[in-house]
Amino acid sequence: MLPVPRAEAVLSRLADAECPDLRVWPTAYVLAVFRFHAADEVDFDVDLRELQGQERLDVSCDFLREIGRLLGKPVLMDPEGDDGHPVIGFDVEAERVVLLADPQVN
């Protein structure tokens, strides 16, 4: 395991340099991969295949809630490849994770 680099080192890279990532396991079965695209954004993804069952979904919601509480900002989860249409997210005023879009019917 390597030490976490300082934010200024990660964000001061050349514009065409590869974007570093940070892998965080809130539990042994759920992985969040943080990507450092911009200084004013927290960008991470979660493999939804890992969120099978209520217990793992609860872990994911707790993780969103903790990030939102620490930052004092909403935390939104968009489907992959669909920027701007969040499905769930942490609502700062409600102090909880909420459903933001109706589930799609196939």
PDB file of N, CA and C in Angstrom:
ATOM      1  N   MET A   1       0.841  -1.160   0.000  1.00  0.00           N
ATOM      2  CA  MET A   1       0.000   0.000   0.000  1.00  0.00           C
ATOM      3  C   MET A   1       0.893   1.232   0.000  1.00  0.00           C
ATOM      4  N   LEU A   2       0.563   2.206  -0.845  1.00  0.00           N
ATOM      5  CA  LEU A   2       1.325   3.445  -0.942  1.00  0.00           C
ATOM      6  C   LEU A   2       0.660   4.539  -0.124  1.00  0.00           C
ATOM      7  N   PRO A   3       1.434   5.513   0.351  1.00  0.00           N
ATOM      8  CA  PRO A   3       0.824   6.634   1.067  1.00  0.00           C
ATOM      9  C   PRO A   3      -0.016   7.480   0.111  1.00  0.00           C
ATOM     10  N   VAL A   4      -1.051   8.112   0.632  1.00  0.00           N
ATOM     11  CA  VAL A   4      -1.907   8.975  -0.174  1.00  0.00           C
ATOM     12  C   VAL A   4      -1.142  10.259  -0.483  1.00  0.00           C
ATOM     13  N   PRO A   5      -1.052  10.642  -1.772  1.00  0.00           N
ATOM     14  CA  PRO A   5      -0.326  11.872  -2.106  1.00  0.00           C
ATOM     15  C   PRO A   5      -1.090  13.111  -1.658  1.00  0.00           C
ATOM     16  N   ARG A   6      -0.373  14.194  -1.465  1.00  0.00           N
ATOM     17  CA  ARG A   6      -1.005  15.466  -1.094  1.00  0.00           C
ATOM     18  C   ARG A   6      -1.836  15.969  -2.275  1.00  0.00           C
ATOM     19  N   ALA A   7      -2.923  16.655  -1.992  1.00  0.00           N
ATOM     20  CA  ALA A   7      -3.852  17.128  -3.025  1.00  0.00           C
ATOM     21  C   ALA A   7      -3.152  18.002  -4.060  1.00  0.00           C
ATOM     22  N   GLU A   8      -2.270  18.904  -3.620  1.00  0.00           N
ATOM     23  CA  GLU A   8      -1.620  19.789  -4.587  1.00  0.00           C
ATOM     24  C   GLU A   8      -0.735  19.014  -5.561  1.00  0.00           C
ATOM     25  N   ALA A   9      -0.163  17.901  -5.131  1.00  0.00           N
ATOM     26  CA  ALA A   9       0.654  17.086  -6.038  1.00  0.00           C
ATOM     27  C   ALA A   9      -0.221  16.409  -7.084  1.00  0.00           C
ATOM     28  N   VAL A  10      -1.375  15.933  -6.679  1.00  0.00           N
ATOM     29  CA  VAL A  10      -2.279  15.242  -7.601  1.00  0.00           C
ATOM     30  C   VAL A  10      -2.901  16.215  -8.585  1.00  0.00           C
ATOM     31  N   LEU A  11      -3.333  17.365  -8.109  1.00  0.00           N
ATOM     32  CA  LEU A  11      -4.072  18.307  -8.951  1.00  0.00           C
ATOM     33  C   LEU A  11      -3.175  19.231  -9.763  1.00  0.00           C
ATOM     34  N   SER A  12      -1.879  19.254  -9.503  1.00  0.00           N
ATOM     35  CA  SER A  12      -0.986  20.142 -10.240  1.00  0.00           C
ATOM     36  C   SER A  12      -0.320  19.427 -11.411  1.00  0.00           C
ATOM     37  N   ARG A  13      -0.826  18.303 -11.832  1.00  0.00           N
ATOM     38  CA  ARG A  13      -0.246  17.561 -12.946  1.00  0.00           C
ATOM     39  C   ARG A  13      -0.521  18.284 -14.263  1.00  0.00           C
ATOM     40  N   LEU A  14       0.223  17.939 -15.297  1.00  0.00           N
ATOM     41  CA  LEU A  14       0.018  18.508 -16.622  1.00  0.00           C
ATOM     42  C   LEU A  14      -1.370  18.151 -17.134  1.00  0.00           C
ATOM     43  N   ALA A  15      -1.935  19.018 -17.963  1.00  0.00           N
ATOM     44  CA  ALA A  15      -3.308  18.832 -18.451  1.00  0.00           C
ATOM     45  C   ALA A  15      -3.487  17.497 -19.177  1.00  0.00           C
ATOM     46  N   ASP A  16      -2.460  17.031 -19.896  1.00  0.00           N
ATOM     47  CA  ASP A  16      -2.602  15.791 -20.652  1.00  0.00           C
ATOM     48  C   ASP A  16      -2.086  14.566 -19.893  1.00  0.00           C
ATOM     49  N   ALA A  17      -1.710  14.754 -18.632  1.00  0.00           N
ATOM     50  CA  ALA A  17      -1.216  13.637 -17.824  1.00  0.00           C
ATOM     51  C   ALA A  17      -2.362  12.720 -17.423  1.00  0.00           C
ATOM     52  N   GLU A  18      -2.034  11.458 -17.194  1.00  0.00           N
ATOM     53  CA  GLU A  18      -3.040  10.492 -16.761  1.00  0.00           C
ATOM     54  C   GLU A  18      -3.625  10.904 -15.411  1.00  0.00           C
ATOM     55  N   CYS A  19      -4.912  10.715 -15.279  1.00  0.00           N
ATOM     56  CA  CYS A  19      -5.603  11.064 -14.033  1.00  0.00           C
ATOM     57  C   CYS A  19      -5.375   9.958 -13.008  1.00  0.00           C
ATOM     58  N   PRO A  20      -4.788  10.298 -11.858  1.00  0.00           N
ATOM     59  CA  PRO A  20      -4.582   9.266 -10.834  1.00  0.00           C
ATOM     60  C   PRO A  20      -5.905   8.872 -10.183  1.00  0.00           C
ATOM     61  N   ASP A  21      -5.914   7.710  -9.573  1.00  0.00           N
ATOM     62  CA  ASP A  21      -7.106   7.299  -8.839  1.00  0.00           C
ATOM     63  C   ASP A  21      -6.719   6.786  -7.456  1.00  0.00           C
ATOM     64  N   LEU A  22      -7.708   6.780  -6.593  1.00  0.00           N
ATOM     65  CA  LEU A  22      -7.550   6.310  -5.221  1.00  0.00           C
ATOM     66  C   LEU A  22      -8.645   5.293  -4.970  1.00  0.00           C
ATOM     67  N   ARG A  23      -8.275   4.094  -4.565  1.00  0.00           N
ATOM     68  CA  ARG A  23      -9.244   3.017  -4.315  1.00  0.00           C
ATOM     69  C   ARG A  23      -9.516   2.931  -2.820  1.00  0.00           C
ATOM     70  N   VAL A  24     -10.809   2.996  -2.478  1.00  0.00           N
ATOM     71  CA  VAL A  24     -11.245   2.968  -1.080  1.00  0.00           C
ATOM     72  C   VAL A  24     -12.285   1.870  -0.926  1.00  0.00           C
ATOM     73  N   TRP A  25     -12.107   1.022   0.088  1.00  0.00           N
ATOM     74  CA  TRP A  25     -13.060  -0.035   0.387  1.00  0.00           C
ATOM     75  C   TRP A  25     -13.789   0.318   1.684  1.00  0.00           C
ATOM     76  N   PRO A  26     -15.030   0.874   1.597  1.00  0.00           N
ATOM     77  CA  PRO A  26     -15.790   1.131   2.824  1.00  0.00           C
ATOM     78  C   PRO A  26     -16.054  -0.161   3.601  1.00  0.00           C
ATOM     79  N   THR A  27     -16.163  -1.278   2.886  1.00  0.00           N
ATOM     80  CA  THR A  27     -16.219  -2.623   3.472  1.00  0.00           C
ATOM     81  C   THR A  27     -15.444  -3.533   2.521  1.00  0.00           C
ATOM     82  N   ALA A  28     -15.261  -4.762   2.918  1.00  0.00           N
ATOM     83  CA  ALA A  28     -14.498  -5.700   2.100  1.00  0.00           C
ATOM     84  C   ALA A  28     -15.159  -5.963   0.745  1.00  0.00           C
ATOM     85  N   TYR A  29     -16.454  -5.709   0.619  1.00  0.00           N
ATOM     86  CA  TYR A  29     -17.188  -6.068  -0.586  1.00  0.00           C
ATOM     87  C   TYR A  29     -17.596  -4.884  -1.457  1.00  0.00           C
ATOM     88  N   VAL A  30     -17.304  -3.660  -1.036  1.00  0.00           N
ATOM     89  CA  VAL A  30     -17.698  -2.474  -1.796  1.00  0.00           C
ATOM     90  C   VAL A  30     -16.461  -1.629  -2.040  1.00  0.00           C
ATOM     91  N   LEU A  31     -16.171  -1.337  -3.312  1.00  0.00           N
ATOM     92  CA  LEU A  31     -15.018  -0.536  -3.711  1.00  0.00           C
ATOM     93  C   LEU A  31     -15.492   0.769  -4.330  1.00  0.00           C
ATOM     94  N   ALA A  32     -14.909   1.886  -3.891  1.00  0.00           N
ATOM     95  CA  ALA A  32     -15.135   3.196  -4.513  1.00  0.00           C
ATOM     96  C   ALA A  32     -13.808   3.648  -5.097  1.00  0.00           C
ATOM     97  N   VAL A  33     -13.815   4.047  -6.376  1.00  0.00           N
ATOM     98  CA  VAL A  33     -12.607   4.507  -7.048  1.00  0.00           C
ATOM     99  C   VAL A  33     -12.740   6.009  -7.275  1.00  0.00           C
ATOM    100  N   PHE A  34     -11.907   6.772  -6.562  1.00  0.00           N
ATOM    101  CA  PHE A  34     -11.909   8.226  -6.685  1.00  0.00           C
ATOM    102  C   PHE A  34     -10.967   8.634  -7.808  1.00  0.00           C
ATOM    103  N   ARG A  35     -11.407   9.591  -8.636  1.00  0.00           N
ATOM    104  CA  ARG A  35     -10.604  10.105  -9.738  1.00  0.00           C
ATOM    105  C   ARG A  35     -10.446  11.612  -9.538  1.00  0.00           C
ATOM    106  N   PHE A  36      -9.257  12.099  -9.753  1.00  0.00           N
ATOM    107  CA  PHE A  36      -8.937  13.496  -9.457  1.00  0.00           C
ATOM    108  C   PHE A  36      -8.919  14.315 -10.741  1.00  0.00           C
ATOM    109  N   HIS A  37     -10.116  14.642 -11.239  1.00  0.00           N
ATOM    110  CA  HIS A  37     -10.233  15.407 -12.475  1.00  0.00           C
ATOM    111  C   HIS A  37     -10.104  16.909 -12.228  1.00  0.00           C
ATOM    112  N   ALA A  38     -10.662  17.409 -11.145  1.00  0.00           N
ATOM    113  CA  ALA A  38     -10.672  18.852 -10.886  1.00  0.00           C
ATOM    114  C   ALA A  38     -10.601  19.109  -9.390  1.00  0.00           C
ATOM    115  N   ALA A  39     -10.058  20.275  -9.037  1.00  0.00           N
ATOM    116  CA  ALA A  39      -9.881  20.623  -7.625  1.00  0.00           C
ATOM    117  C   ALA A  39     -11.207  20.869  -6.913  1.00  0.00           C
ATOM    118  N   ASP A  40     -12.249  21.246  -7.640  1.00  0.00           N
ATOM    119  CA  ASP A  40     -13.521  21.599  -7.015  1.00  0.00           C
ATOM    120  C   ASP A  40     -14.576  20.494  -7.114  1.00  0.00           C
ATOM    121  N   GLU A  41     -14.162  19.278  -7.490  1.00  0.00           N
ATOM    122  CA  GLU A  41     -15.097  18.166  -7.610  1.00  0.00           C
ATOM    123  C   GLU A  41     -14.546  16.927  -6.922  1.00  0.00           C
ATOM    124  N   VAL A  42     -15.450  16.146  -6.363  1.00  0.00           N
ATOM    125  CA  VAL A  42     -15.100  14.822  -5.855  1.00  0.00           C
ATOM    126  C   VAL A  42     -15.775  13.836  -6.794  1.00  0.00           C
ATOM    127  N   ASP A  43     -14.988  13.125  -7.560  1.00  0.00           N
ATOM    128  CA  ASP A  43     -15.518  12.225  -8.578  1.00  0.00           C
ATOM    129  C   ASP A  43     -15.102  10.794  -8.229  1.00  0.00           C
ATOM    130  N   PHE A  44     -16.083   9.929  -8.053  1.00  0.00           N
ATOM    131  CA  PHE A  44     -15.766   8.529  -7.777  1.00  0.00           C
ATOM    132  C   PHE A  44     -16.842   7.648  -8.376  1.00  0.00           C
ATOM    133  N   ASP A  45     -16.484   6.397  -8.571  1.00  0.00           N
ATOM    134  CA  ASP A  45     -17.501   5.457  -9.056  1.00  0.00           C
ATOM    135  C   ASP A  45     -17.477   4.199  -8.219  1.00  0.00           C
ATOM    136  N   VAL A  46     -18.602   3.519  -8.286  1.00  0.00           N
ATOM    137  CA  VAL A  46     -18.827   2.282  -7.549  1.00  0.00           C
ATOM    138  C   VAL A  46     -19.354   1.265  -8.550  1.00  0.00           C
ATOM    139  N   ASP A  47     -18.867   0.055  -8.474  1.00  0.00           N
ATOM    140  CA  ASP A  47     -19.365  -1.008  -9.343  1.00  0.00           C
ATOM    141  C   ASP A  47     -20.709  -1.471  -8.783  1.00  0.00           C
ATOM    142  N   LEU A  48     -21.764  -1.158  -9.488  1.00  0.00           N
ATOM    143  CA  LEU A  48     -23.108  -1.482  -8.999  1.00  0.00           C
ATOM    144  C   LEU A  48     -23.332  -2.983  -8.834  1.00  0.00           C
ATOM    145  N   ARG A  49     -22.551  -3.793  -9.515  1.00  0.00           N
ATOM    146  CA  ARG A  49     -22.671  -5.251  -9.354  1.00  0.00           C
ATOM    147  C   ARG A  49     -22.289  -5.667  -7.937  1.00  0.00           C
ATOM    148  N   GLU A  50     -21.490  -4.811  -7.249  1.00  0.00           N
ATOM    149  CA  GLU A  50     -21.091  -5.108  -5.873  1.00  0.00           C
ATOM    150  C   GLU A  50     -22.184  -4.761  -4.866  1.00  0.00           C
ATOM    151  N   LEU A  51     -23.208  -4.049  -5.289  1.00  0.00           N
ATOM    152  CA  LEU A  51     -24.242  -3.585  -4.367  1.00  0.00           C
ATOM    153  C   LEU A  51     -25.444  -4.517  -4.334  1.00  0.00           C
ATOM    154  N   GLN A  52     -25.210  -5.797  -4.415  1.00  0.00           N
ATOM    155  CA  GLN A  52     -26.287  -6.777  -4.367  1.00  0.00           C
ATOM    156  C   GLN A  52     -26.708  -6.994  -2.916  1.00  0.00           C
ATOM    157  N   GLY A  53     -27.983  -6.812  -2.649  1.00  0.00           N
ATOM    158  CA  GLY A  53     -28.514  -7.031  -1.308  1.00  0.00           C
ATOM    159  C   GLY A  53     -28.601  -5.735  -0.510  1.00  0.00           C
ATOM    160  N   GLN A  54     -29.493  -5.738   0.453  1.00  0.00           N
ATOM    161  CA  GLN A  54     -29.761  -4.541   1.258  1.00  0.00           C
ATOM    162  C   GLN A  54     -28.542  -4.092   2.064  1.00  0.00           C
ATOM    163  N   GLU A  55     -27.786  -5.050   2.610  1.00  0.00           N
ATOM    164  CA  GLU A  55     -26.632  -4.693   3.445  1.00  0.00           C
ATOM    165  C   GLU A  55     -25.597  -3.887   2.659  1.00  0.00           C
ATOM    166  N   ARG A  56     -25.290  -4.317   1.455  1.00  0.00           N
ATOM    167  CA  ARG A  56     -24.301  -3.598   0.638  1.00  0.00           C
ATOM    168  C   ARG A  56     -24.846  -2.266   0.146  1.00  0.00           C
ATOM    169  N   LEU A  57     -26.135  -2.221  -0.167  1.00  0.00           N
ATOM    170  CA  LEU A  57     -26.742  -0.947  -0.538  1.00  0.00           C
ATOM    171  C   LEU A  57     -26.687   0.033   0.630  1.00  0.00           C
ATOM    172  N   ASP A  58     -26.934  -0.458   1.828  1.00  0.00           N
ATOM    173  CA  ASP A  58     -26.850   0.395   3.020  1.00  0.00           C
ATOM    174  C   ASP A  58     -25.436   0.944   3.206  1.00  0.00           C
ATOM    175  N   VAL A  59     -24.428   0.118   2.962  1.00  0.00           N
ATOM    176  CA  VAL A  59     -23.037   0.569   3.058  1.00  0.00           C
ATOM    177  C   VAL A  59     -22.791   1.709   2.075  1.00  0.00           C
ATOM    178  N   SER A  60     -23.280   1.546   0.852  1.00  0.00           N
ATOM    179  CA  SER A  60     -23.101   2.580  -0.164  1.00  0.00           C
ATOM    180  C   SER A  60     -23.792   3.883   0.238  1.00  0.00           C
ATOM    181  N   CYS A  61     -25.006   3.785   0.743  1.00  0.00           N
ATOM    182  CA  CYS A  61     -25.743   4.978   1.181  1.00  0.00           C
ATOM    183  C   CYS A  61     -25.052   5.644   2.375  1.00  0.00           C
ATOM    184  N   ASP A  62     -24.549   4.844   3.308  1.00  0.00           N
ATOM    185  CA  ASP A  62     -23.798   5.395   4.446  1.00  0.00           C
ATOM    186  C   ASP A  62     -22.561   6.136   3.954  1.00  0.00           C
ATOM    187  N   PHE A  63     -21.885   5.580   2.949  1.00  0.00           N
ATOM    188  CA  PHE A  63     -20.687   6.192   2.381  1.00  0.00           C
ATOM    189  C   PHE A  63     -21.028   7.540   1.744  1.00  0.00           C
ATOM    190  N   LEU A  64     -22.096   7.595   0.948  1.00  0.00           N
ATOM    191  CA  LEU A  64     -22.540   8.864   0.348  1.00  0.00           C
ATOM    192  C   LEU A  64     -22.876   9.888   1.431  1.00  0.00           C
ATOM    193  N   ARG A  65     -23.570   9.433   2.451  1.00  0.00           N
ATOM    194  CA  ARG A  65     -23.985  10.317   3.546  1.00  0.00           C
ATOM    195  C   ARG A  65     -22.766  10.885   4.278  1.00  0.00           C
ATOM    196  N   GLU A  66     -21.779  10.055   4.569  1.00  0.00           N
ATOM    197  CA  GLU A  66     -20.593  10.528   5.288  1.00  0.00           C
ATOM    198  C   GLU A  66     -19.809  11.544   4.471  1.00  0.00           C
ATOM    199  N   ILE A  67     -19.657  11.290   3.183  1.00  0.00           N
ATOM    200  CA  ILE A  67     -18.964  12.257   2.322  1.00  0.00           C
ATOM    201  C   ILE A  67     -19.729  13.574   2.309  1.00  0.00           C
ATOM    202  N   GLY A  68     -21.059  13.501   2.143  1.00  0.00           N
ATOM    203  CA  GLY A  68     -21.881  14.706   2.117  1.00  0.00           C
ATOM    204  C   GLY A  68     -21.830  15.479   3.416  1.00  0.00           C
ATOM    205  N   ARG A  69     -21.877  14.787   4.533  1.00  0.00           N
ATOM    206  CA  ARG A  69     -21.803  15.456   5.838  1.00  0.00           C
ATOM    207  C   ARG A  69     -20.452  16.125   6.039  1.00  0.00           C
ATOM    208  N   LEU A  70     -19.377  15.428   5.691  1.00  0.00           N
ATOM    209  CA  LEU A  70     -18.041  15.994   5.858  1.00  0.00           C
ATOM    210  C   LEU A  70     -17.832  17.235   4.995  1.00  0.00           C
ATOM    211  N   LEU A  71     -18.351  17.207   3.763  1.00  0.00           N
ATOM    212  CA  LEU A  71     -18.182  18.333   2.853  1.00  0.00           C
ATOM    213  C   LEU A  71     -19.275  19.397   3.007  1.00  0.00           C
ATOM    214  N   GLY A  72     -20.410  18.998   3.620  1.00  0.00           N
ATOM    215  CA  GLY A  72     -21.534  19.923   3.723  1.00  0.00           C
ATOM    216  C   GLY A  72     -22.160  20.216   2.371  1.00  0.00           C
ATOM    217  N   LYS A  73     -22.088  19.220   1.462  1.00  0.00           N
ATOM    218  CA  LYS A  73     -22.592  19.389   0.095  1.00  0.00           C
ATOM    219  C   LYS A  73     -23.351  18.139  -0.331  1.00  0.00           C
ATOM    220  N   PRO A  74     -24.225  18.296  -1.340  1.00  0.00           N
ATOM    221  CA  PRO A  74     -24.900  17.116  -1.867  1.00  0.00           C
ATOM    222  C   PRO A  74     -23.894  16.179  -2.542  1.00  0.00           C
ATOM    223  N   VAL A  75     -24.179  14.893  -2.496  1.00  0.00           N
ATOM    224  CA  VAL A  75     -23.379  13.889  -3.189  1.00  0.00           C
ATOM    225  C   VAL A  75     -24.341  13.134  -4.084  1.00  0.00           C
ATOM    226  N   LEU A  76     -24.094  13.179  -5.389  1.00  0.00           N
ATOM    227  CA  LEU A  76     -25.020  12.603  -6.365  1.00  0.00           C
ATOM    228  C   LEU A  76     -24.420  11.389  -7.042  1.00  0.00           C
ATOM    229  N   MET A  77     -25.273  10.414  -7.340  1.00  0.00           N
ATOM    230  CA  MET A  77     -24.833   9.229  -8.073  1.00  0.00           C
ATOM    231  C   MET A  77     -25.560   9.187  -9.411  1.00  0.00           C
ATOM    232  N   ASP A  78     -24.765   9.319 -10.479  1.00  0.00           N
ATOM    233  CA  ASP A  78     -25.282   9.239 -11.848  1.00  0.00           C
ATOM    234  C   ASP A  78     -25.025   7.847 -12.404  1.00  0.00           C
ATOM    235  N   PRO A  79     -25.894   7.368 -13.290  1.00  0.00           N
ATOM    236  CA  PRO A  79     -25.573   6.127 -13.986  1.00  0.00           C
ATOM    237  C   PRO A  79     -24.349   6.360 -14.872  1.00  0.00           C
ATOM    238  N   GLU A  80     -23.547   5.338 -15.081  1.00  0.00           N
ATOM    239  CA  GLU A  80     -22.353   5.487 -15.903  1.00  0.00           C
ATOM    240  C   GLU A  80     -22.726   5.964 -17.302  1.00  0.00           C
ATOM    241  N   GLY A  81     -22.012   6.979 -17.796  1.00  0.00           N
ATOM    242  CA  GLY A  81     -22.241   7.506 -19.128  1.00  0.00           C
ATOM    243  C   GLY A  81     -23.437   8.435 -19.234  1.00  0.00           C
ATOM    244  N   ASP A  82     -24.049   8.821 -18.130  1.00  0.00           N
ATOM    245  CA  ASP A  82     -25.250   9.658 -18.161  1.00  0.00           C
ATOM    246  C   ASP A  82     -25.062  10.841 -17.217  1.00  0.00           C
ATOM    247  N   ASP A  83     -24.066  11.672 -17.478  1.00  0.00           N
ATOM    248  CA  ASP A  83     -23.797  12.820 -16.618  1.00  0.00           C
ATOM    249  C   ASP A  83     -24.998  13.749 -16.553  1.00  0.00           C
ATOM    250  N   GLY A  84     -25.308  14.204 -15.357  1.00  0.00           N
ATOM    251  CA  GLY A  84     -26.359  15.189 -15.202  1.00  0.00           C
ATOM    252  C   GLY A  84     -27.725  14.648 -14.858  1.00  0.00           C
ATOM    253  N   HIS A  85     -27.875  13.330 -14.745  1.00  0.00           N
ATOM    254  CA  HIS A  85     -29.170  12.737 -14.404  1.00  0.00           C
ATOM    255  C   HIS A  85     -29.001  11.820 -13.196  1.00  0.00           C
ATOM    256  N   PRO A  86     -28.776  12.398 -12.013  1.00  0.00           N
ATOM    257  CA  PRO A  86     -28.537  11.562 -10.835  1.00  0.00           C
ATOM    258  C   PRO A  86     -29.733  10.688 -10.476  1.00  0.00           C
ATOM    259  N   VAL A  87     -29.424   9.500  -9.952  1.00  0.00           N
ATOM    260  CA  VAL A  87     -30.443   8.535  -9.568  1.00  0.00           C
ATOM    261  C   VAL A  87     -30.717   8.625  -8.065  1.00  0.00           C
ATOM    262  N   ILE A  88     -29.650   8.635  -7.268  1.00  0.00           N
ATOM    263  CA  ILE A  88     -29.775   8.816  -5.828  1.00  0.00           C
ATOM    264  C   ILE A  88     -28.735   9.843  -5.389  1.00  0.00           C
ATOM    265  N   GLY A  89     -28.915  10.370  -4.184  1.00  0.00           N
ATOM    266  CA  GLY A  89     -27.925  11.309  -3.677  1.00  0.00           C
ATOM    267  C   GLY A  89     -28.192  11.680  -2.238  1.00  0.00           C
ATOM    268  N   PHE A  90     -27.158  12.222  -1.605  1.00  0.00           N
ATOM    269  CA  PHE A  90     -27.281  12.716  -0.248  1.00  0.00           C
ATOM    270  C   PHE A  90     -27.852  14.124  -0.304  1.00  0.00           C
ATOM    271  N   ASP A  91     -28.970  14.334   0.378  1.00  0.00           N
ATOM    272  CA  ASP A  91     -29.623  15.638   0.476  1.00  0.00           C
ATOM    273  C   ASP A  91     -29.163  16.283   1.780  1.00  0.00           C
ATOM    274  N   VAL A  92     -28.460  17.418   1.671  1.00  0.00           N
ATOM    275  CA  VAL A  92     -27.884  18.079   2.845  1.00  0.00           C
ATOM    276  C   VAL A  92     -28.972  18.504   3.826  1.00  0.00           C
ATOM    277  N   GLU A  93     -30.037  19.113   3.332  1.00  0.00           N
ATOM    278  CA  GLU A  93     -31.106  19.599   4.216  1.00  0.00           C
ATOM    279  C   GLU A  93     -31.851  18.452   4.891  1.00  0.00           C
ATOM    280  N   ALA A  94     -32.108  17.377   4.157  1.00  0.00           N
ATOM    281  CA  ALA A  94     -32.837  16.237   4.717  1.00  0.00           C
ATOM    282  C   ALA A  94     -31.929  15.352   5.569  1.00  0.00           C
ATOM    283  N   GLU A  95     -30.608  15.505   5.416  1.00  0.00           N
ATOM    284  CA  GLU A  95     -29.635  14.694   6.167  1.00  0.00           C
ATOM    285  C   GLU A  95     -29.771  13.206   5.873  1.00  0.00           C
ATOM    286  N   ARG A  96     -30.104  12.875   4.622  1.00  0.00           N
ATOM    287  CA  ARG A  96     -30.245  11.466   4.264  1.00  0.00           C
ATOM    288  C   ARG A  96     -30.074  11.284   2.760  1.00  0.00           C
ATOM    289  N   VAL A  97     -29.884  10.045   2.352  1.00  0.00           N
ATOM    290  CA  VAL A  97     -29.798   9.699   0.938  1.00  0.00           C
ATOM    291  C   VAL A  97     -31.220   9.540   0.420  1.00  0.00           C
ATOM    292  N   VAL A  98     -31.481  10.155  -0.741  1.00  0.00           N
ATOM    293  CA  VAL A  98     -32.830  10.143  -1.303  1.00  0.00           C
ATOM    294  C   VAL A  98     -32.807   9.662  -2.748  1.00  0.00           C
ATOM    295  N   LEU A  99     -33.936   9.132  -3.184  1.00  0.00           N
ATOM    296  CA  LEU A  99     -34.131   8.749  -4.579  1.00  0.00           C
ATOM    297  C   LEU A  99     -34.402  10.012  -5.377  1.00  0.00           C
ATOM    298  N   LEU A 100     -33.645  10.232  -6.467  1.00  0.00           N
ATOM    299  CA  LEU A 100     -33.777  11.455  -7.244  1.00  0.00           C
ATOM    300  C   LEU A 100     -34.461  11.245  -8.591  1.00  0.00           C
ATOM    301  N   ALA A 101     -34.574  10.006  -9.016  1.00  0.00           N
ATOM    302  CA  ALA A 101     -35.187   9.711 -10.314  1.00  0.00           C
ATOM    303  C   ALA A 101     -35.979   8.423 -10.190  1.00  0.00           C
ATOM    304  N   ASP A 102     -37.043   8.324 -10.969  1.00  0.00           N
ATOM    305  CA  ASP A 102     -37.818   7.091 -11.001  1.00  0.00           C
ATOM    306  C   ASP A 102     -36.977   5.988 -11.658  1.00  0.00           C
ATOM    307  N   PRO A 103     -37.006   4.804 -11.108  1.00  0.00           N
ATOM    308  CA  PRO A 103     -36.297   3.699 -11.761  1.00  0.00           C
ATOM    309  C   PRO A 103     -36.851   3.488 -13.169  1.00  0.00           C
ATOM    310  N   GLN A 104     -35.964   3.208 -14.105  1.00  0.00           N
ATOM    311  CA  GLN A 104     -36.389   2.990 -15.492  1.00  0.00           C
ATOM    312  C   GLN A 104     -37.025   1.611 -15.611  1.00  0.00           C
ATOM    313  N   VAL A 105     -38.091   1.563 -16.362  1.00  0.00           N
ATOM    314  CA  VAL A 105     -38.780   0.302 -16.615  1.00  0.00           C
ATOM    315  C   VAL A 105     -38.336  -0.194 -17.974  1.00  0.00           C
ATOM    316  N   ASN A 106     -37.848  -1.430 -18.048  1.00  0.00           N
ATOM    317  CA  ASN A 106     -37.397  -2.003 -19.340  1.00  0.00           C
ATOM    318  C   ASN A 106     -38.536  -2.627 -20.061  1.00  0.00           C
TER     319      ASN A 106
END
